[in-house]
């Protein structure tokens, strides 16, 4: 029996969970739900409303997800400093992993994996903007090292660097993961995800080909695409990645391109629609070994994806 995530994806397509942020929004949190009434501190709900987060994790696992992502998208040093928790970065991330692991342990039917999520730092080191570009590459790396260490100490099955918009930031985050592993003498798989617009470019204009070439030899185990668009817009980029016949590919689209309604992002793609689109992707591109959902996806989307995968993997 496979006993690690990487071994598992060699035998079948792995299913990740769906969105965390849009699921939290559905709970209509009030300022008093957050630590110190700091509204918008979604990762802080691990401390003040852990049952909310565990319920979201549990719904995804009950829908068939093989993996759940920790609620640590904004738990790097710089983001936590904004909320007064910078000094607790390591412990903060470790506790988030433990919370997710508790829910995984409720399920005994098949292996379940905890993926430690690392989102953008809040800066764009490649940018000339005086504020967004104000951090050096080394400073960006240093903001990710304690987060990486916390996730590793919590015993994640892999680290996911996700929704990367700046290729230099992604490089620094990968280096931070390796530094943390060296510090702790522990190795965990690294998944590096970028987010692309509908034309296949990152926020600052880096095309998927350049992004992949830049990081594919940095000791990562999976390269992926997540967020920004729906599955259809990702197909040209997935096709090119598949032609490299190199790293396994992860595909986690939004439930369609968001539509702005009354200042809110609305995601229209139904569970059936996203399953049909991802079915085309997994049957057309053999390097795609992990799928899941990003913004706007919920347990219903994951259930449909699980049903689709079961049909192809019996």
Protein backbone atom coordinates (compact mmCIF):
# COMPACT_ATOMS: atom_id res chain seq x y z
CA UNK A 1 0.00 0.00 0.00
CA UNK A 2 1.32 3.49 -0.79
CA UNK A 3 2.25 5.29 2.39
CA UNK A 4 3.07 8.78 1.16
CA UNK A 5 1.34 11.39 -0.95
CA UNK A 6 3.92 11.14 -3.73
CA UNK A 7 3.61 7.37 -3.91
CA UNK A 8 -0.17 7.68 -3.94
CA UNK A 9 -0.27 10.05 -6.90
CA UNK A 10 1.76 7.55 -8.91
CA UNK A 11 -1.10 5.07 -8.59
CA UNK A 12 -4.16 7.31 -8.98
CA UNK A 13 -5.30 10.92 -9.33
CA UNK A 14 -5.42 12.63 -5.95
CA UNK A 15 -8.34 14.86 -4.98
CA UNK A 16 -7.72 18.02 -2.98
CA UNK A 17 -10.42 19.99 -1.19
CA UNK A 18 -12.18 23.17 -2.27
CA UNK A 19 -12.14 26.76 -1.08
CA UNK A 20 -11.64 27.88 2.50
CA UNK A 21 -12.15 31.65 2.23
CA UNK A 22 -15.50 31.58 0.45
CA UNK A 23 -16.71 28.88 2.85
CA UNK A 24 -15.81 31.09 5.81
CA UNK A 25 -17.75 33.95 4.20
CA UNK A 26 -20.86 31.75 4.14
CA UNK A 27 -20.73 31.66 7.95
CA UNK A 28 -21.13 35.46 8.08
CA UNK A 29 -18.44 35.98 10.72
CA UNK A 30 -18.75 39.04 12.92
CA UNK A 31 -15.84 41.12 14.27
CA UNK A 32 -16.12 39.39 17.64
CA UNK A 33 -15.52 36.02 16.01
CA UNK A 34 -11.94 37.00 15.15
CA UNK A 35 -8.98 37.32 17.55
CA UNK A 36 -8.99 40.77 19.12
CA UNK A 37 -11.98 41.68 16.91
CA UNK A 38 -9.64 41.91 13.92
CA UNK A 39 -12.15 41.38 11.17
CA UNK A 40 -10.87 39.58 8.11
CA UNK A 41 -8.23 37.61 10.02
CA UNK A 42 -9.51 34.34 8.62
CA UNK A 43 -6.51 32.30 9.75
CA UNK A 44 -7.13 33.56 13.28
CA UNK A 45 -10.37 31.57 13.34
CA UNK A 46 -8.15 28.53 13.98
CA UNK A 47 -7.85 29.97 17.49
CA UNK A 48 -11.23 31.54 18.15
CA UNK A 49 -13.58 29.38 16.06
CA UNK A 50 -11.72 26.08 15.56
CA UNK A 51 -14.99 24.16 15.16
CA UNK A 52 -15.87 26.29 12.14
CA UNK A 53 -12.62 25.35 10.47
CA UNK A 54 -12.91 21.71 11.48
CA UNK A 55 -16.44 21.58 10.05
CA UNK A 56 -15.19 22.91 6.70
CA UNK A 57 -12.36 20.37 6.70
CA UNK A 58 -14.80 17.60 7.67
CA UNK A 59 -17.26 18.45 4.90
CA UNK A 60 -14.53 18.14 2.29
CA UNK A 61 -13.29 14.82 3.63
CA UNK A 62 -16.84 13.47 3.84
CA UNK A 63 -17.27 14.45 0.18
CA UNK A 64 -14.31 12.30 -0.82
CA UNK A 65 -11.30 14.62 -0.69
CA UNK A 66 -8.00 12.81 -0.17
CA UNK A 67 -6.31 15.98 1.08
CA UNK A 68 -7.30 19.01 3.09
CA UNK A 69 -5.36 22.25 3.16
CA UNK A 70 -4.57 23.98 6.42
CA UNK A 71 -6.23 27.32 7.10
CA UNK A 72 -2.86 29.10 6.83
CA UNK A 73 -3.09 30.91 3.50
CA UNK A 74 -2.14 34.18 5.22
CA UNK A 75 0.04 32.80 8.03
CA UNK A 76 3.47 33.92 6.86
CA UNK A 77 5.42 36.23 9.15
CA UNK A 78 4.45 39.48 7.41
CA UNK A 79 0.75 38.70 7.29
CA UNK A 80 0.66 37.60 10.92
CA UNK A 81 2.55 40.72 11.97
CA UNK A 82 -0.35 42.77 10.60
CA UNK A 83 -2.59 41.12 13.20
CA UNK A 84 -0.10 41.12 16.06
CA UNK A 85 0.80 37.44 15.84
CA UNK A 86 4.16 37.64 14.08
CA UNK A 87 6.12 36.36 17.07
CA UNK A 88 3.93 33.26 17.15
CA UNK A 89 4.30 32.31 13.48
CA UNK A 90 5.83 28.87 14.08
CA UNK A 91 3.36 27.82 16.76
CA UNK A 92 0.42 29.35 14.87
CA UNK A 93 1.10 27.18 11.84
CA UNK A 94 1.79 24.07 13.87
CA UNK A 95 -1.57 24.37 15.61
CA UNK A 96 -3.36 24.75 12.27
CA UNK A 97 -1.83 21.49 11.07
CA UNK A 98 -2.81 19.71 14.26
CA UNK A 99 -6.38 20.96 13.90
CA UNK A 100 -6.60 19.58 10.37
CA UNK A 101 -4.99 16.30 11.43
CA UNK A 102 -7.59 15.80 14.14
CA UNK A 103 -10.30 15.87 11.49
CA UNK A 104 -8.36 13.56 9.15
CA UNK A 105 -8.07 11.04 11.97
CA UNK A 106 -11.85 10.78 12.09
CA UNK A 107 -11.78 9.06 8.68
CA UNK A 108 -10.47 5.51 8.38
CA UNK A 109 -11.68 4.45 4.94
CA UNK A 110 -8.59 5.51 2.97
CA UNK A 111 -5.40 7.55 3.47
CA UNK A 112 -6.07 11.22 4.14
CA UNK A 113 -3.39 13.87 3.88
CA UNK A 114 -2.83 17.29 5.45
CA UNK A 115 -1.35 19.88 3.09
CA UNK A 116 0.28 22.95 4.63
CA UNK A 117 -0.79 26.03 2.69
CA UNK A 118 1.42 29.08 2.14
CA UNK A 119 -0.12 32.02 0.28
CA UNK A 120 1.33 35.32 -0.99
CA UNK A 121 3.42 37.45 1.35
CA UNK A 122 1.54 40.63 0.47
CA UNK A 123 4.55 41.99 -1.41
CA UNK A 124 5.74 41.67 -5.01
CA UNK A 125 9.54 41.68 -4.98
CA UNK A 126 9.71 41.88 -8.79
CA UNK A 127 7.61 45.05 -8.81
CA UNK A 128 8.90 48.61 -9.04
CA UNK A 129 6.02 49.80 -6.87
CA UNK A 130 7.53 51.57 -3.83
CA UNK A 131 5.29 49.70 -1.40
CA UNK A 132 4.69 46.30 -3.01
CA UNK A 133 8.32 46.07 -4.09
CA UNK A 134 9.78 47.31 -0.82
CA UNK A 135 11.01 43.91 0.45
CA UNK A 136 14.23 42.32 -0.79
CA UNK A 137 14.24 38.70 -1.96
CA UNK A 138 16.01 37.65 1.24
CA UNK A 139 13.37 39.40 3.33
CA UNK A 140 10.66 37.56 1.41
CA UNK A 141 12.42 34.26 2.06
CA UNK A 142 12.78 35.09 5.74
CA UNK A 143 9.03 35.68 6.08
CA UNK A 144 8.35 32.14 4.86
CA UNK A 145 10.96 30.21 6.88
CA UNK A 146 9.08 30.32 10.22
CA UNK A 147 5.81 29.41 8.49
CA UNK A 148 7.50 26.47 6.79
CA UNK A 149 9.01 25.35 10.08
CA UNK A 150 5.64 25.52 11.81
CA UNK A 151 3.95 23.46 9.12
CA UNK A 152 6.72 20.87 9.18
CA UNK A 153 6.66 20.67 12.98
CA UNK A 154 2.94 19.99 12.74
CA UNK A 155 3.80 17.02 10.47
CA UNK A 156 2.21 18.04 7.18
CA UNK A 157 2.28 15.53 4.35
CA UNK A 158 3.29 18.25 1.88
CA UNK A 159 3.72 22.02 1.66
CA UNK A 160 1.66 23.88 -0.94
CA UNK A 161 2.93 27.29 -2.06
CA UNK A 162 -0.20 28.59 -3.73
CA UNK A 163 -1.69 31.46 -5.69
CA UNK A 164 1.80 32.74 -6.51
CA UNK A 165 1.66 35.95 -8.54
CA UNK A 166 5.35 36.90 -8.59
CA UNK A 167 7.89 34.34 -9.80
CA UNK A 168 10.64 35.82 -7.60
CA UNK A 169 8.43 35.45 -4.53
CA UNK A 170 7.74 31.83 -5.49
CA UNK A 171 11.48 31.17 -5.76
CA UNK A 172 12.05 32.64 -2.31
CA UNK A 173 9.21 30.61 -0.81
CA UNK A 174 10.69 27.41 -2.24
CA UNK A 175 14.10 28.32 -0.85
CA UNK A 176 12.47 28.99 2.53
CA UNK A 177 10.93 25.51 2.52
CA UNK A 178 14.31 23.93 1.83
CA UNK A 179 15.93 26.04 4.55
CA UNK A 180 13.26 25.00 7.05
CA UNK A 181 13.74 21.34 6.13
CA UNK A 182 17.49 21.71 6.63
CA UNK A 183 16.93 23.39 10.00
CA UNK A 184 14.65 20.59 11.18
CA UNK A 185 16.35 17.69 9.35
CA UNK A 186 13.00 16.69 7.86
CA UNK A 187 11.98 16.33 4.22
CA UNK A 188 8.44 16.94 2.95
CA UNK A 189 7.19 17.27 -0.63
CA UNK A 190 6.87 20.77 -2.07
CA UNK A 191 4.02 21.73 -4.41
CA UNK A 192 4.51 25.04 -6.22
CA UNK A 193 1.35 26.66 -7.61
CA UNK A 194 1.11 29.78 -9.73
CA UNK A 195 -1.99 31.72 -10.64
CA UNK A 196 -2.47 32.82 -14.24
CA UNK A 197 -4.82 35.18 -16.03
CA UNK A 198 -6.90 33.96 -18.94
CA UNK A 199 -3.95 34.61 -21.25
CA UNK A 200 -1.61 32.29 -19.34
CA UNK A 201 0.45 34.95 -17.58
CA UNK A 202 1.15 35.74 -13.94
CA UNK A 203 0.23 39.13 -12.48
CA UNK A 204 3.51 40.77 -13.49
CA UNK A 205 3.50 39.24 -16.96
CA UNK A 206 5.55 36.05 -16.50
CA UNK A 207 4.20 33.38 -18.89
CA UNK A 208 3.63 29.84 -17.67
CA UNK A 209 6.60 28.55 -19.70
CA UNK A 210 9.05 30.92 -18.00
CA UNK A 211 7.56 30.29 -14.55
CA UNK A 212 7.86 26.53 -14.92
CA UNK A 213 11.41 26.72 -16.29
CA UNK A 214 12.43 28.97 -13.40
CA UNK A 215 11.31 26.71 -10.55
CA UNK A 216 11.04 23.17 -11.93
CA UNK A 217 14.66 22.38 -11.00
CA UNK A 218 14.45 23.84 -7.48
CA UNK A 219 13.64 20.56 -5.78
CA UNK A 220 9.87 20.80 -6.07
CA UNK A 221 7.76 17.67 -6.44
CA UNK A 222 4.61 18.99 -8.12
CA UNK A 223 3.89 22.08 -10.21
CA UNK A 224 0.39 23.46 -10.30
CA UNK A 225 -2.12 26.08 -11.34
CA UNK A 226 -4.77 27.47 -9.02
CA UNK A 227 -7.22 30.35 -8.67
CA UNK A 228 -7.84 33.34 -10.97
CA UNK A 229 -9.80 31.49 -13.68
CA UNK A 230 -12.06 28.55 -14.26
CA UNK A 231 -10.83 25.24 -15.70
CA UNK A 232 -11.39 26.06 -19.38
CA UNK A 233 -8.98 29.00 -19.33
CA UNK A 234 -6.27 26.77 -17.83
CA UNK A 235 -6.32 24.20 -20.66
CA UNK A 236 -3.66 25.81 -22.93
CA UNK A 237 -1.25 26.12 -20.01
CA UNK A 238 -1.97 22.57 -18.82
CA UNK A 239 -1.38 21.31 -22.36
CA UNK A 240 2.06 22.92 -22.46
CA UNK A 241 2.98 21.63 -18.99
CA UNK A 242 1.83 18.14 -19.94
CA UNK A 243 4.10 18.20 -23.01
CA UNK A 244 7.14 18.63 -20.76
CA UNK A 245 6.55 15.09 -19.42
CA UNK A 246 8.39 16.09 -16.29
CA UNK A 247 6.73 16.97 -12.99
CA UNK A 248 3.25 15.89 -11.89
CA UNK A 249 0.70 18.67 -12.42
CA UNK A 250 -1.93 20.00 -10.02
CA UNK A 251 -5.02 21.80 -11.37
CA UNK A 252 -7.28 23.69 -8.94
CA UNK A 253 -9.50 26.20 -10.76
CA UNK A 254 -12.07 28.56 -9.38
CA UNK A 255 -15.73 27.79 -9.97
CA UNK A 256 -15.42 29.87 -13.12
CA UNK A 257 -14.08 33.39 -13.60
CA UNK A 258 -15.58 35.51 -10.82
CA UNK A 259 -18.34 37.95 -11.73
CA UNK A 260 -18.62 41.22 -9.85
CA UNK A 261 -22.11 41.71 -8.47
CA UNK A 262 -22.66 44.53 -6.03
CA UNK A 263 -18.97 44.62 -5.18
CA UNK A 264 -18.88 40.89 -4.40
CA UNK A 265 -17.17 38.15 -6.38
CA UNK A 266 -19.74 35.58 -7.49
CA UNK A 267 -18.74 32.16 -8.81
CA UNK A 268 -21.31 30.58 -11.12
CA UNK A 269 -19.84 27.23 -12.19
CA UNK A 270 -21.90 24.36 -10.82
CA UNK A 271 -20.45 21.12 -9.42
CA UNK A 272 -21.54 19.24 -12.55
CA UNK A 273 -19.94 21.79 -14.86
CA UNK A 274 -16.60 21.83 -13.06
CA UNK A 275 -16.53 18.03 -12.96
CA UNK A 276 -17.13 17.87 -16.72
CA UNK A 277 -14.36 20.38 -17.41
CA UNK A 278 -11.86 18.63 -15.15
CA UNK A 279 -12.84 15.26 -16.58
CA UNK A 280 -11.66 16.51 -19.97
CA UNK A 281 -8.40 17.66 -18.39
CA UNK A 282 -7.57 14.44 -16.51
CA UNK A 283 -8.44 12.23 -19.49
CA UNK A 284 -6.49 14.37 -21.94
CA UNK A 285 -3.32 15.14 -19.97
CA UNK A 286 -1.57 12.24 -18.26
CA UNK A 287 0.74 14.45 -16.17
CA UNK A 288 -2.25 15.85 -14.25
CA UNK A 289 -2.14 13.86 -11.02
CA UNK A 290 -3.92 16.17 -8.57
CA UNK A 291 -7.15 18.12 -8.96
CA UNK A 292 -9.30 20.17 -6.62
CA UNK A 293 -11.15 23.45 -6.36
CA UNK A 294 -10.26 27.02 -5.49
CA UNK A 295 -12.49 30.06 -4.89
CA UNK A 296 -16.22 29.42 -5.07
CA UNK A 297 -15.94 25.65 -4.83
CA UNK A 298 -17.48 23.79 -1.91
CA UNK A 299 -18.13 20.23 -0.72
CA UNK A 300 -20.68 19.70 -3.49
CA UNK A 301 -18.04 20.43 -6.14
CA UNK A 302 -15.62 18.04 -4.46
CA UNK A 303 -18.26 15.31 -4.29
CA UNK A 304 -18.86 15.61 -8.04
CA UNK A 305 -15.13 15.47 -8.71
CA UNK A 306 -14.82 12.36 -6.54
CA UNK A 307 -17.68 10.70 -8.42
CA UNK A 308 -16.01 11.54 -11.72
CA UNK A 309 -12.65 10.14 -10.60
CA UNK A 310 -14.23 6.94 -9.33
CA UNK A 311 -15.69 6.36 -12.78
CA UNK A 312 -12.23 6.56 -14.37
CA UNK A 313 -10.18 4.81 -11.70
CA UNK A 314 -12.12 1.64 -11.00
